[in-house]
N, C-alpha and C. Protein backbone atom coordinates (compact mmCIF):
# COMPACT_ATOMS: atom_id res chain seq x y z
N MET A 1 2.58 9.05 25.55
CA MET A 1 2.67 7.64 25.20
C MET A 1 4.01 7.38 24.55
N THR A 2 4.70 6.37 24.96
CA THR A 2 5.97 5.98 24.35
C THR A 2 5.68 5.21 23.08
N ASN A 3 6.41 5.56 22.04
CA ASN A 3 6.19 4.92 20.75
C ASN A 3 7.47 4.23 20.33
N SER A 4 7.38 2.95 20.00
CA SER A 4 8.56 2.19 19.63
C SER A 4 8.86 2.23 18.14
N GLY A 5 8.16 3.02 17.37
CA GLY A 5 8.39 3.12 15.94
C GLY A 5 7.79 1.96 15.18
N LYS A 6 6.68 2.19 14.54
CA LYS A 6 5.99 1.15 13.77
C LYS A 6 5.80 1.64 12.34
N PHE A 7 5.72 0.68 11.43
CA PHE A 7 5.59 0.96 10.00
C PHE A 7 4.29 0.33 9.52
N VAL A 8 3.33 1.17 9.16
CA VAL A 8 2.01 0.74 8.72
C VAL A 8 1.80 1.20 7.28
N VAL A 9 1.39 0.28 6.42
CA VAL A 9 1.13 0.58 5.02
C VAL A 9 -0.36 0.46 4.74
N ILE A 10 -0.89 1.45 4.03
CA ILE A 10 -2.27 1.40 3.52
C ILE A 10 -2.15 1.31 2.01
N ASP A 11 -2.69 0.27 1.43
CA ASP A 11 -2.54 0.01 0.00
C ASP A 11 -3.88 -0.47 -0.54
N GLY A 12 -3.98 -0.65 -1.83
CA GLY A 12 -5.21 -1.19 -2.39
C GLY A 12 -5.49 -0.70 -3.79
N GLN A 13 -6.66 -1.08 -4.26
CA GLN A 13 -7.09 -0.76 -5.61
C GLN A 13 -7.02 0.74 -5.88
N GLY A 14 -6.82 1.08 -7.14
CA GLY A 14 -6.85 2.48 -7.54
C GLY A 14 -8.20 3.11 -7.24
N ARG A 15 -8.17 4.34 -6.80
CA ARG A 15 -9.36 5.13 -6.51
C ARG A 15 -10.23 4.53 -5.40
N ILE A 16 -9.63 3.75 -4.53
CA ILE A 16 -10.39 3.17 -3.42
C ILE A 16 -10.34 4.08 -2.19
N GLY A 17 -9.47 5.08 -2.22
CA GLY A 17 -9.38 6.01 -1.11
C GLY A 17 -8.23 5.75 -0.17
N ALA A 18 -7.21 5.02 -0.64
CA ALA A 18 -6.08 4.68 0.23
C ALA A 18 -5.38 5.93 0.77
N THR A 19 -5.24 6.96 -0.06
CA THR A 19 -4.58 8.18 0.39
C THR A 19 -5.38 8.85 1.50
N THR A 20 -6.68 8.94 1.32
CA THR A 20 -7.54 9.55 2.34
C THR A 20 -7.53 8.72 3.61
N VAL A 21 -7.64 7.42 3.48
CA VAL A 21 -7.64 6.53 4.64
C VAL A 21 -6.30 6.62 5.38
N ALA A 22 -5.19 6.62 4.65
CA ALA A 22 -3.88 6.73 5.29
C ALA A 22 -3.78 8.05 6.06
N THR A 23 -4.23 9.14 5.47
CA THR A 23 -4.20 10.44 6.15
C THR A 23 -5.05 10.42 7.41
N LEU A 24 -6.26 9.90 7.31
CA LEU A 24 -7.15 9.85 8.47
C LEU A 24 -6.60 8.94 9.56
N LEU A 25 -6.02 7.81 9.18
CA LEU A 25 -5.42 6.92 10.17
C LEU A 25 -4.25 7.62 10.86
N GLY A 26 -3.42 8.31 10.09
CA GLY A 26 -2.31 9.06 10.68
C GLY A 26 -2.79 10.09 11.68
N LEU A 27 -3.87 10.80 11.36
CA LEU A 27 -4.44 11.79 12.28
C LEU A 27 -4.98 11.12 13.54
N ARG A 28 -5.63 9.99 13.39
CA ARG A 28 -6.16 9.28 14.56
C ARG A 28 -5.04 8.76 15.46
N LEU A 29 -3.98 8.23 14.85
CA LEU A 29 -2.84 7.76 15.64
C LEU A 29 -2.16 8.92 16.36
N THR A 30 -2.05 10.06 15.69
CA THR A 30 -1.48 11.25 16.33
C THR A 30 -2.34 11.67 17.51
N HIS A 31 -3.64 11.68 17.32
CA HIS A 31 -4.56 12.04 18.40
C HIS A 31 -4.41 11.10 19.59
N ASP A 32 -4.08 9.83 19.31
CA ASP A 32 -3.90 8.84 20.37
C ASP A 32 -2.50 8.90 21.00
N GLY A 33 -1.69 9.87 20.57
CA GLY A 33 -0.39 10.08 21.21
C GLY A 33 0.81 9.55 20.49
N HIS A 34 0.63 9.04 19.28
CA HIS A 34 1.76 8.52 18.52
C HIS A 34 2.40 9.65 17.72
N ASN A 35 3.71 9.60 17.57
CA ASN A 35 4.46 10.57 16.79
C ASN A 35 4.51 10.02 15.36
N VAL A 36 3.67 10.54 14.48
CA VAL A 36 3.43 9.95 13.17
C VAL A 36 4.12 10.74 12.06
N VAL A 37 4.71 10.00 11.14
CA VAL A 37 5.25 10.55 9.90
C VAL A 37 4.44 9.94 8.77
N MET A 38 3.92 10.80 7.89
CA MET A 38 3.18 10.32 6.72
C MET A 38 4.16 10.17 5.56
N ALA A 39 3.99 9.10 4.80
CA ALA A 39 4.84 8.85 3.63
C ALA A 39 3.96 8.34 2.49
N ALA A 40 4.46 8.45 1.28
CA ALA A 40 3.73 7.95 0.12
C ALA A 40 4.71 7.52 -0.95
N GLU A 41 4.42 6.40 -1.56
CA GLU A 41 5.21 5.95 -2.70
C GLU A 41 4.63 6.69 -3.91
N LEU A 42 5.20 7.86 -4.18
CA LEU A 42 4.60 8.83 -5.09
C LEU A 42 4.40 8.35 -6.51
N SER A 43 5.19 7.41 -6.97
CA SER A 43 5.00 6.95 -8.35
C SER A 43 3.74 6.12 -8.48
N VAL A 44 3.15 5.73 -7.35
CA VAL A 44 1.96 4.89 -7.38
C VAL A 44 0.76 5.59 -6.76
N ALA A 45 0.94 6.28 -5.65
CA ALA A 45 -0.17 6.82 -4.86
C ALA A 45 -1.09 7.67 -5.71
N GLY A 46 -2.35 7.37 -5.65
CA GLY A 46 -3.37 8.17 -6.30
C GLY A 46 -3.51 7.94 -7.79
N THR A 47 -2.73 7.06 -8.39
CA THR A 47 -2.82 6.90 -9.83
C THR A 47 -3.53 5.63 -10.24
N GLY A 48 -3.44 4.58 -9.45
CA GLY A 48 -4.04 3.31 -9.82
C GLY A 48 -3.41 2.74 -11.07
N ILE A 49 -3.99 1.68 -11.56
CA ILE A 49 -3.46 0.99 -12.74
C ILE A 49 -3.46 1.89 -13.97
N ALA A 50 -4.59 2.53 -14.24
CA ALA A 50 -4.69 3.35 -15.46
C ALA A 50 -3.71 4.51 -15.43
N GLY A 51 -3.62 5.20 -14.31
CA GLY A 51 -2.71 6.34 -14.20
C GLY A 51 -1.26 5.93 -14.37
N TRP A 52 -0.90 4.80 -13.77
CA TRP A 52 0.47 4.32 -13.88
C TRP A 52 0.79 3.96 -15.32
N ARG A 53 -0.13 3.29 -15.98
CA ARG A 53 0.09 2.93 -17.38
C ARG A 53 0.19 4.18 -18.24
N ASN A 54 -0.70 5.17 -18.00
CA ASN A 54 -0.66 6.39 -18.79
C ASN A 54 0.62 7.18 -18.53
N ARG A 55 1.03 7.28 -17.28
CA ARG A 55 2.20 8.07 -16.91
C ARG A 55 3.46 7.49 -17.54
N THR A 56 3.49 6.21 -17.71
CA THR A 56 4.71 5.57 -18.20
C THR A 56 4.57 5.08 -19.63
N ALA A 57 3.57 5.56 -20.35
CA ALA A 57 3.33 5.08 -21.71
C ALA A 57 4.53 5.32 -22.63
N GLN A 58 5.29 6.38 -22.38
CA GLN A 58 6.43 6.69 -23.22
C GLN A 58 7.72 5.99 -22.79
N THR A 59 7.65 5.26 -21.67
CA THR A 59 8.85 4.57 -21.16
C THR A 59 9.17 3.39 -22.07
N PRO A 60 10.42 3.28 -22.49
CA PRO A 60 10.79 2.17 -23.39
C PRO A 60 10.86 0.84 -22.64
N GLY A 61 9.74 0.12 -22.62
CA GLY A 61 9.72 -1.21 -22.02
C GLY A 61 9.17 -1.25 -20.62
N VAL A 62 8.49 -2.33 -20.33
CA VAL A 62 7.89 -2.54 -19.02
C VAL A 62 8.95 -2.59 -17.93
N ASP A 63 10.12 -3.17 -18.23
CA ASP A 63 11.16 -3.31 -17.22
C ASP A 63 11.58 -1.96 -16.65
N ALA A 64 11.61 -0.92 -17.47
CA ALA A 64 11.99 0.41 -16.99
C ALA A 64 10.97 0.92 -15.97
N ARG A 65 9.70 0.64 -16.17
CA ARG A 65 8.69 1.07 -15.20
C ARG A 65 8.87 0.36 -13.88
N ALA A 66 9.18 -0.93 -13.93
CA ALA A 66 9.39 -1.70 -12.71
C ALA A 66 10.59 -1.17 -11.94
N VAL A 67 11.64 -0.84 -12.65
CA VAL A 67 12.84 -0.29 -12.03
C VAL A 67 12.54 1.08 -11.44
N ASP A 68 11.72 1.88 -12.12
CA ASP A 68 11.32 3.20 -11.61
C ASP A 68 10.59 3.08 -10.28
N LEU A 69 9.68 2.12 -10.17
CA LEU A 69 8.98 1.91 -8.91
C LEU A 69 9.95 1.54 -7.79
N ARG A 70 10.89 0.67 -8.10
CA ARG A 70 11.86 0.26 -7.08
C ARG A 70 12.75 1.43 -6.65
N ALA A 71 13.20 2.24 -7.60
CA ALA A 71 14.05 3.39 -7.27
C ALA A 71 13.30 4.39 -6.40
N THR A 72 12.03 4.60 -6.70
CA THR A 72 11.21 5.50 -5.89
C THR A 72 11.10 4.97 -4.47
N ARG A 73 10.89 3.67 -4.31
CA ARG A 73 10.79 3.08 -2.98
C ARG A 73 12.11 3.17 -2.23
N ASP A 74 13.20 2.93 -2.91
CA ASP A 74 14.51 3.04 -2.26
C ASP A 74 14.73 4.44 -1.69
N ARG A 75 14.37 5.47 -2.45
CA ARG A 75 14.51 6.85 -1.95
C ARG A 75 13.60 7.09 -0.76
N LEU A 76 12.38 6.58 -0.83
CA LEU A 76 11.43 6.74 0.27
C LEU A 76 11.95 6.06 1.54
N LEU A 77 12.49 4.87 1.39
CA LEU A 77 13.04 4.15 2.55
C LEU A 77 14.23 4.90 3.15
N THR A 78 15.13 5.33 2.30
CA THR A 78 16.35 6.00 2.77
C THR A 78 16.08 7.39 3.35
N ASP A 79 15.22 8.15 2.69
CA ASP A 79 15.02 9.55 3.08
C ASP A 79 13.96 9.75 4.15
N VAL A 80 12.98 8.85 4.24
CA VAL A 80 11.84 9.09 5.14
C VAL A 80 11.62 7.95 6.13
N ILE A 81 11.38 6.76 5.62
CA ILE A 81 10.89 5.67 6.48
C ILE A 81 11.94 5.22 7.50
N ARG A 82 13.12 4.86 7.05
CA ARG A 82 14.13 4.37 7.99
C ARG A 82 14.53 5.40 9.04
N PRO A 83 14.76 6.67 8.66
CA PRO A 83 15.09 7.65 9.70
C PRO A 83 13.96 7.85 10.72
N ALA A 84 12.72 7.85 10.25
CA ALA A 84 11.58 8.02 11.17
C ALA A 84 11.50 6.84 12.14
N LEU A 85 11.62 5.63 11.63
CA LEU A 85 11.55 4.45 12.49
C LEU A 85 12.71 4.42 13.48
N ALA A 86 13.90 4.82 13.02
CA ALA A 86 15.07 4.82 13.89
C ALA A 86 14.90 5.81 15.05
N SER A 87 14.11 6.85 14.83
CA SER A 87 13.87 7.84 15.90
C SER A 87 12.63 7.50 16.72
N GLY A 88 12.05 6.31 16.50
CA GLY A 88 10.91 5.87 17.29
C GLY A 88 9.57 6.37 16.83
N ARG A 89 9.50 6.93 15.64
CA ARG A 89 8.24 7.45 15.12
C ARG A 89 7.46 6.36 14.40
N THR A 90 6.16 6.58 14.26
CA THR A 90 5.29 5.66 13.53
C THR A 90 5.14 6.19 12.11
N VAL A 91 5.37 5.35 11.12
CA VAL A 91 5.23 5.73 9.72
C VAL A 91 3.94 5.13 9.19
N VAL A 92 3.08 5.98 8.62
CA VAL A 92 1.90 5.53 7.90
C VAL A 92 2.17 5.85 6.43
N CYS A 93 2.27 4.81 5.62
CA CYS A 93 2.67 4.96 4.22
C CYS A 93 1.50 4.65 3.28
N ASP A 94 1.25 5.59 2.39
CA ASP A 94 0.24 5.43 1.34
C ASP A 94 0.91 4.73 0.16
N ARG A 95 0.59 3.47 -0.01
CA ARG A 95 1.11 2.58 -1.06
C ARG A 95 2.52 2.13 -0.73
N TYR A 96 2.82 0.90 -1.21
CA TYR A 96 4.14 0.34 -0.97
C TYR A 96 4.28 -0.92 -1.83
N VAL A 97 4.79 -1.99 -1.30
CA VAL A 97 5.06 -3.21 -2.08
C VAL A 97 3.81 -3.78 -2.76
N PRO A 98 2.65 -3.89 -2.09
CA PRO A 98 1.51 -4.49 -2.80
C PRO A 98 1.20 -3.82 -4.13
N SER A 99 1.22 -2.48 -4.17
CA SER A 99 0.95 -1.80 -5.44
C SER A 99 2.00 -2.13 -6.49
N SER A 100 3.26 -2.16 -6.09
CA SER A 100 4.31 -2.52 -7.06
C SER A 100 4.09 -3.91 -7.61
N LEU A 101 3.77 -4.85 -6.73
CA LEU A 101 3.55 -6.22 -7.18
C LEU A 101 2.39 -6.30 -8.16
N VAL A 102 1.29 -5.65 -7.82
CA VAL A 102 0.11 -5.69 -8.68
C VAL A 102 0.37 -4.97 -10.00
N LEU A 103 0.91 -3.76 -9.93
CA LEU A 103 1.15 -2.99 -11.15
C LEU A 103 2.11 -3.71 -12.09
N ASN A 104 3.18 -4.23 -11.53
CA ASN A 104 4.14 -4.93 -12.38
C ASN A 104 3.56 -6.22 -12.97
N TYR A 105 2.82 -6.96 -12.16
CA TYR A 105 2.19 -8.18 -12.64
C TYR A 105 1.21 -7.88 -13.79
N LEU A 106 0.34 -6.91 -13.57
CA LEU A 106 -0.65 -6.59 -14.60
C LEU A 106 -0.03 -5.97 -15.85
N ALA A 107 1.15 -5.37 -15.70
CA ALA A 107 1.85 -4.80 -16.85
C ALA A 107 2.67 -5.84 -17.60
N GLY A 108 2.73 -7.07 -17.08
CA GLY A 108 3.44 -8.13 -17.79
C GLY A 108 4.91 -8.28 -17.45
N VAL A 109 5.36 -7.66 -16.36
CA VAL A 109 6.76 -7.84 -15.95
C VAL A 109 6.93 -9.30 -15.53
N PRO A 110 7.99 -9.96 -15.96
CA PRO A 110 8.20 -11.36 -15.57
C PRO A 110 8.26 -11.52 -14.05
N GLY A 111 7.68 -12.61 -13.55
CA GLY A 111 7.58 -12.87 -12.11
C GLY A 111 8.91 -12.83 -11.40
N GLU A 112 9.95 -13.40 -12.03
CA GLU A 112 11.25 -13.41 -11.34
C GLU A 112 11.82 -12.00 -11.20
N GLN A 113 11.53 -11.11 -12.17
CA GLN A 113 12.00 -9.73 -12.05
C GLN A 113 11.20 -9.00 -10.97
N ILE A 114 9.90 -9.23 -10.90
CA ILE A 114 9.07 -8.61 -9.86
C ILE A 114 9.60 -9.02 -8.49
N GLY A 115 9.88 -10.31 -8.34
CA GLY A 115 10.40 -10.79 -7.06
C GLY A 115 11.72 -10.17 -6.69
N SER A 116 12.64 -10.08 -7.65
CA SER A 116 13.96 -9.54 -7.33
C SER A 116 13.90 -8.05 -7.05
N LEU A 117 13.02 -7.31 -7.71
CA LEU A 117 12.91 -5.87 -7.47
C LEU A 117 12.29 -5.54 -6.11
N ASN A 118 11.53 -6.45 -5.58
CA ASN A 118 10.83 -6.18 -4.32
C ASN A 118 11.38 -6.97 -3.13
N ALA A 119 12.33 -7.86 -3.37
CA ALA A 119 12.82 -8.76 -2.33
C ALA A 119 13.49 -8.04 -1.17
N HIS A 120 14.11 -6.91 -1.41
CA HIS A 120 14.89 -6.25 -0.37
C HIS A 120 14.15 -5.06 0.25
N SER A 121 12.86 -4.96 0.01
CA SER A 121 12.07 -3.89 0.62
C SER A 121 11.88 -4.18 2.10
N ASP A 122 11.95 -3.14 2.91
CA ASP A 122 11.72 -3.32 4.34
C ASP A 122 10.31 -3.82 4.57
N ARG A 123 10.16 -4.75 5.51
CA ARG A 123 8.86 -5.33 5.81
C ARG A 123 8.12 -4.44 6.81
N PRO A 124 6.92 -3.98 6.44
CA PRO A 124 6.13 -3.19 7.40
C PRO A 124 5.69 -4.03 8.60
N ASP A 125 5.36 -3.35 9.68
CA ASP A 125 4.79 -4.05 10.84
C ASP A 125 3.36 -4.49 10.54
N LEU A 126 2.67 -3.74 9.69
CA LEU A 126 1.31 -4.10 9.27
C LEU A 126 1.06 -3.53 7.89
N THR A 127 0.55 -4.38 7.00
CA THR A 127 0.16 -3.95 5.66
C THR A 127 -1.34 -4.15 5.52
N VAL A 128 -2.06 -3.06 5.27
CA VAL A 128 -3.50 -3.12 5.07
C VAL A 128 -3.76 -3.00 3.57
N VAL A 129 -4.52 -3.93 3.02
CA VAL A 129 -4.88 -3.91 1.60
C VAL A 129 -6.38 -3.67 1.50
N LEU A 130 -6.74 -2.55 0.89
CA LEU A 130 -8.15 -2.18 0.72
C LEU A 130 -8.65 -2.69 -0.62
N VAL A 131 -9.78 -3.39 -0.60
CA VAL A 131 -10.42 -3.87 -1.83
C VAL A 131 -11.91 -3.60 -1.74
N ARG A 132 -12.53 -3.56 -2.88
CA ARG A 132 -13.98 -3.42 -2.93
C ARG A 132 -14.61 -4.79 -2.97
N ALA A 133 -15.76 -4.90 -2.35
CA ALA A 133 -16.53 -6.14 -2.48
C ALA A 133 -16.98 -6.21 -3.94
N ASP A 134 -16.79 -7.37 -4.57
CA ASP A 134 -17.10 -7.51 -6.00
C ASP A 134 -18.49 -7.04 -6.36
N HIS A 135 -19.48 -7.37 -5.53
CA HIS A 135 -20.86 -7.03 -5.88
C HIS A 135 -21.15 -5.53 -5.72
N LEU A 136 -20.24 -4.79 -5.08
CA LEU A 136 -20.44 -3.35 -4.91
C LEU A 136 -19.66 -2.52 -5.90
N ASP A 137 -18.76 -3.13 -6.64
CA ASP A 137 -17.90 -2.37 -7.54
C ASP A 137 -18.60 -2.18 -8.88
N GLN A 138 -19.09 -0.97 -9.10
CA GLN A 138 -19.81 -0.66 -10.34
C GLN A 138 -18.89 -0.74 -11.56
N ARG A 139 -17.59 -0.65 -11.33
CA ARG A 139 -16.64 -0.62 -12.44
C ARG A 139 -16.22 -2.00 -12.90
N LEU A 140 -16.75 -3.06 -12.29
CA LEU A 140 -16.27 -4.40 -12.64
C LEU A 140 -16.60 -4.82 -14.07
N ALA A 141 -17.39 -4.00 -14.76
CA ALA A 141 -17.60 -4.28 -16.18
C ALA A 141 -16.28 -4.15 -16.93
N SER A 142 -15.36 -3.39 -16.35
CA SER A 142 -14.04 -3.23 -16.93
C SER A 142 -13.16 -4.39 -16.48
N ARG A 143 -12.63 -5.14 -17.44
CA ARG A 143 -11.79 -6.28 -17.09
C ARG A 143 -10.56 -5.87 -16.30
N SER A 144 -9.97 -4.71 -16.62
CA SER A 144 -8.75 -4.32 -15.91
C SER A 144 -9.04 -4.04 -14.44
N VAL A 145 -10.22 -3.51 -14.13
CA VAL A 145 -10.56 -3.25 -12.74
C VAL A 145 -10.82 -4.57 -12.01
N ALA A 146 -11.50 -5.51 -12.67
CA ALA A 146 -11.74 -6.82 -12.06
C ALA A 146 -10.40 -7.52 -11.83
N ASP A 147 -9.50 -7.44 -12.80
CA ASP A 147 -8.18 -8.04 -12.65
C ASP A 147 -7.43 -7.39 -11.50
N GLU A 148 -7.54 -6.07 -11.37
CA GLU A 148 -6.85 -5.35 -10.31
C GLU A 148 -7.35 -5.80 -8.93
N ALA A 149 -8.66 -5.91 -8.78
CA ALA A 149 -9.24 -6.35 -7.50
C ALA A 149 -8.75 -7.76 -7.15
N ALA A 150 -8.81 -8.65 -8.11
CA ALA A 150 -8.36 -10.03 -7.88
C ALA A 150 -6.86 -10.07 -7.57
N ALA A 151 -6.10 -9.23 -8.25
CA ALA A 151 -4.65 -9.21 -8.02
C ALA A 151 -4.33 -8.72 -6.61
N TYR A 152 -5.02 -7.70 -6.13
CA TYR A 152 -4.76 -7.23 -4.76
C TYR A 152 -5.14 -8.29 -3.73
N ARG A 153 -6.23 -9.00 -3.96
CA ARG A 153 -6.59 -10.08 -3.04
C ARG A 153 -5.50 -11.17 -3.03
N ALA A 154 -5.04 -11.52 -4.22
CA ALA A 154 -4.00 -12.55 -4.32
C ALA A 154 -2.69 -12.10 -3.68
N ILE A 155 -2.33 -10.84 -3.87
CA ILE A 155 -1.09 -10.32 -3.29
C ILE A 155 -1.19 -10.29 -1.77
N ALA A 156 -2.35 -9.93 -1.23
CA ALA A 156 -2.52 -9.95 0.23
C ALA A 156 -2.30 -11.36 0.77
N ALA A 157 -2.85 -12.35 0.09
CA ALA A 157 -2.67 -13.75 0.52
C ALA A 157 -1.20 -14.17 0.38
N LEU A 158 -0.56 -13.78 -0.71
CA LEU A 158 0.84 -14.12 -0.93
C LEU A 158 1.73 -13.51 0.15
N LEU A 159 1.51 -12.24 0.48
CA LEU A 159 2.31 -11.59 1.51
C LEU A 159 2.10 -12.25 2.87
N THR A 160 0.86 -12.61 3.16
CA THR A 160 0.57 -13.29 4.43
C THR A 160 1.33 -14.61 4.49
N THR A 161 1.29 -15.37 3.41
CA THR A 161 2.01 -16.64 3.35
C THR A 161 3.51 -16.44 3.52
N ALA A 162 4.03 -15.30 3.04
CA ALA A 162 5.46 -14.99 3.15
C ALA A 162 5.84 -14.45 4.53
N GLY A 163 4.86 -14.37 5.43
CA GLY A 163 5.16 -13.95 6.79
C GLY A 163 4.89 -12.50 7.10
N TRP A 164 4.31 -11.76 6.15
CA TRP A 164 3.95 -10.37 6.41
C TRP A 164 2.67 -10.33 7.23
N ARG A 165 2.58 -9.42 8.18
CA ARG A 165 1.33 -9.20 8.91
C ARG A 165 0.46 -8.34 7.98
N THR A 166 -0.56 -8.98 7.41
CA THR A 166 -1.38 -8.36 6.38
C THR A 166 -2.84 -8.42 6.79
N HIS A 167 -3.55 -7.34 6.52
CA HIS A 167 -4.98 -7.28 6.82
C HIS A 167 -5.70 -6.87 5.54
N LEU A 168 -6.54 -7.76 5.00
CA LEU A 168 -7.36 -7.46 3.82
C LEU A 168 -8.65 -6.84 4.32
N PHE A 169 -8.96 -5.63 3.85
CA PHE A 169 -10.15 -4.93 4.31
C PHE A 169 -11.08 -4.68 3.14
N GLU A 170 -12.26 -5.29 3.19
CA GLU A 170 -13.30 -5.07 2.18
C GLU A 170 -14.01 -3.77 2.53
N VAL A 171 -13.85 -2.77 1.69
CA VAL A 171 -14.37 -1.44 1.98
C VAL A 171 -15.90 -1.41 1.99
N GLY A 172 -16.53 -2.12 1.07
CA GLY A 172 -17.99 -2.11 1.02
C GLY A 172 -18.51 -0.69 0.84
N LYS A 173 -19.50 -0.33 1.64
CA LYS A 173 -20.10 1.01 1.54
C LYS A 173 -19.58 1.95 2.62
N CYS A 174 -18.49 1.58 3.27
CA CYS A 174 -17.92 2.41 4.34
C CYS A 174 -17.33 3.69 3.77
N SER A 175 -17.48 4.78 4.53
CA SER A 175 -16.80 6.02 4.18
C SER A 175 -15.32 5.87 4.55
N ALA A 176 -14.50 6.79 4.06
CA ALA A 176 -13.08 6.77 4.41
C ALA A 176 -12.90 6.90 5.92
N ALA A 177 -13.71 7.72 6.56
CA ALA A 177 -13.62 7.89 8.02
C ALA A 177 -13.96 6.59 8.74
N GLU A 178 -14.97 5.88 8.26
CA GLU A 178 -15.33 4.60 8.88
C GLU A 178 -14.23 3.56 8.68
N VAL A 179 -13.62 3.56 7.50
CA VAL A 179 -12.52 2.63 7.26
C VAL A 179 -11.36 2.96 8.20
N ALA A 180 -11.01 4.26 8.33
CA ALA A 180 -9.92 4.66 9.22
C ALA A 180 -10.21 4.28 10.66
N ASP A 181 -11.45 4.45 11.11
CA ASP A 181 -11.83 4.06 12.48
C ASP A 181 -11.65 2.55 12.68
N ASN A 182 -12.10 1.77 11.71
CA ASN A 182 -11.92 0.31 11.78
C ASN A 182 -10.45 -0.07 11.80
N LEU A 183 -9.65 0.60 10.98
CA LEU A 183 -8.23 0.28 10.91
C LEU A 183 -7.49 0.71 12.16
N LEU A 184 -7.94 1.77 12.80
CA LEU A 184 -7.33 2.16 14.07
C LEU A 184 -7.47 1.02 15.08
N ALA A 185 -8.63 0.38 15.09
CA ALA A 185 -8.83 -0.77 15.98
C ALA A 185 -7.94 -1.94 15.56
N VAL A 186 -7.80 -2.17 14.26
CA VAL A 186 -6.93 -3.24 13.77
C VAL A 186 -5.48 -2.98 14.19
N VAL A 187 -5.02 -1.74 13.99
CA VAL A 187 -3.65 -1.38 14.38
C VAL A 187 -3.44 -1.61 15.87
N GLY A 188 -4.39 -1.18 16.68
CA GLY A 188 -4.28 -1.36 18.13
C GLY A 188 -4.23 -2.82 18.52
N ARG A 189 -4.97 -3.65 17.80
CA ARG A 189 -5.03 -5.09 18.10
C ARG A 189 -3.79 -5.83 17.59
N GLU A 190 -3.30 -5.44 16.42
CA GLU A 190 -2.22 -6.18 15.75
C GLU A 190 -0.82 -5.78 16.17
N LEU A 191 -0.64 -4.53 16.58
CA LEU A 191 0.71 -4.05 16.85
C LEU A 191 0.95 -3.81 18.33
N PRO A 192 1.96 -4.45 18.87
CA PRO A 192 2.32 -4.17 20.26
C PRO A 192 3.07 -2.85 20.34
N TRP A 193 2.59 -1.93 21.13
CA TRP A 193 3.25 -0.63 21.26
C TRP A 193 4.13 -0.70 22.46
């Protein structure tokens, strides 16, 4: 199968399984004949809101954390994503702009700084945002988790309005494998190969 190089992002709430889903989707795309490169925005992937706050607790000021996220993304774009796309490969990335937007917003970074730090990020061909259905999230007793879920929903809508091809996926009671199977169909439907 000829692959024209596509950039797919799997993002979403902390501990929702984005890393597992991204890995499974990458394996399914490879099985379907795509030449896949896996990538991850390491300062965010697998940590969620609490992990990011804990990891950067000693950082002097919220602005430094926002700049750290942007620097990590710049390295990922330069070292992995752009070269893979230029060679016609498909990139499946675990976390990207949506997590930065949510993390910075919830950490109190001013909106204009969030916008300027993320304005020059390469636009994926498809951004999938995973969220839990509110009535299924046992952790919603925690305000920060409820805020995180609402923030990801709002960011998905904002990105769509800004012209990003975005798919909001309510995980519900689906396993990671079921989510990856559903997303494989979404990728096939949304992206012209």
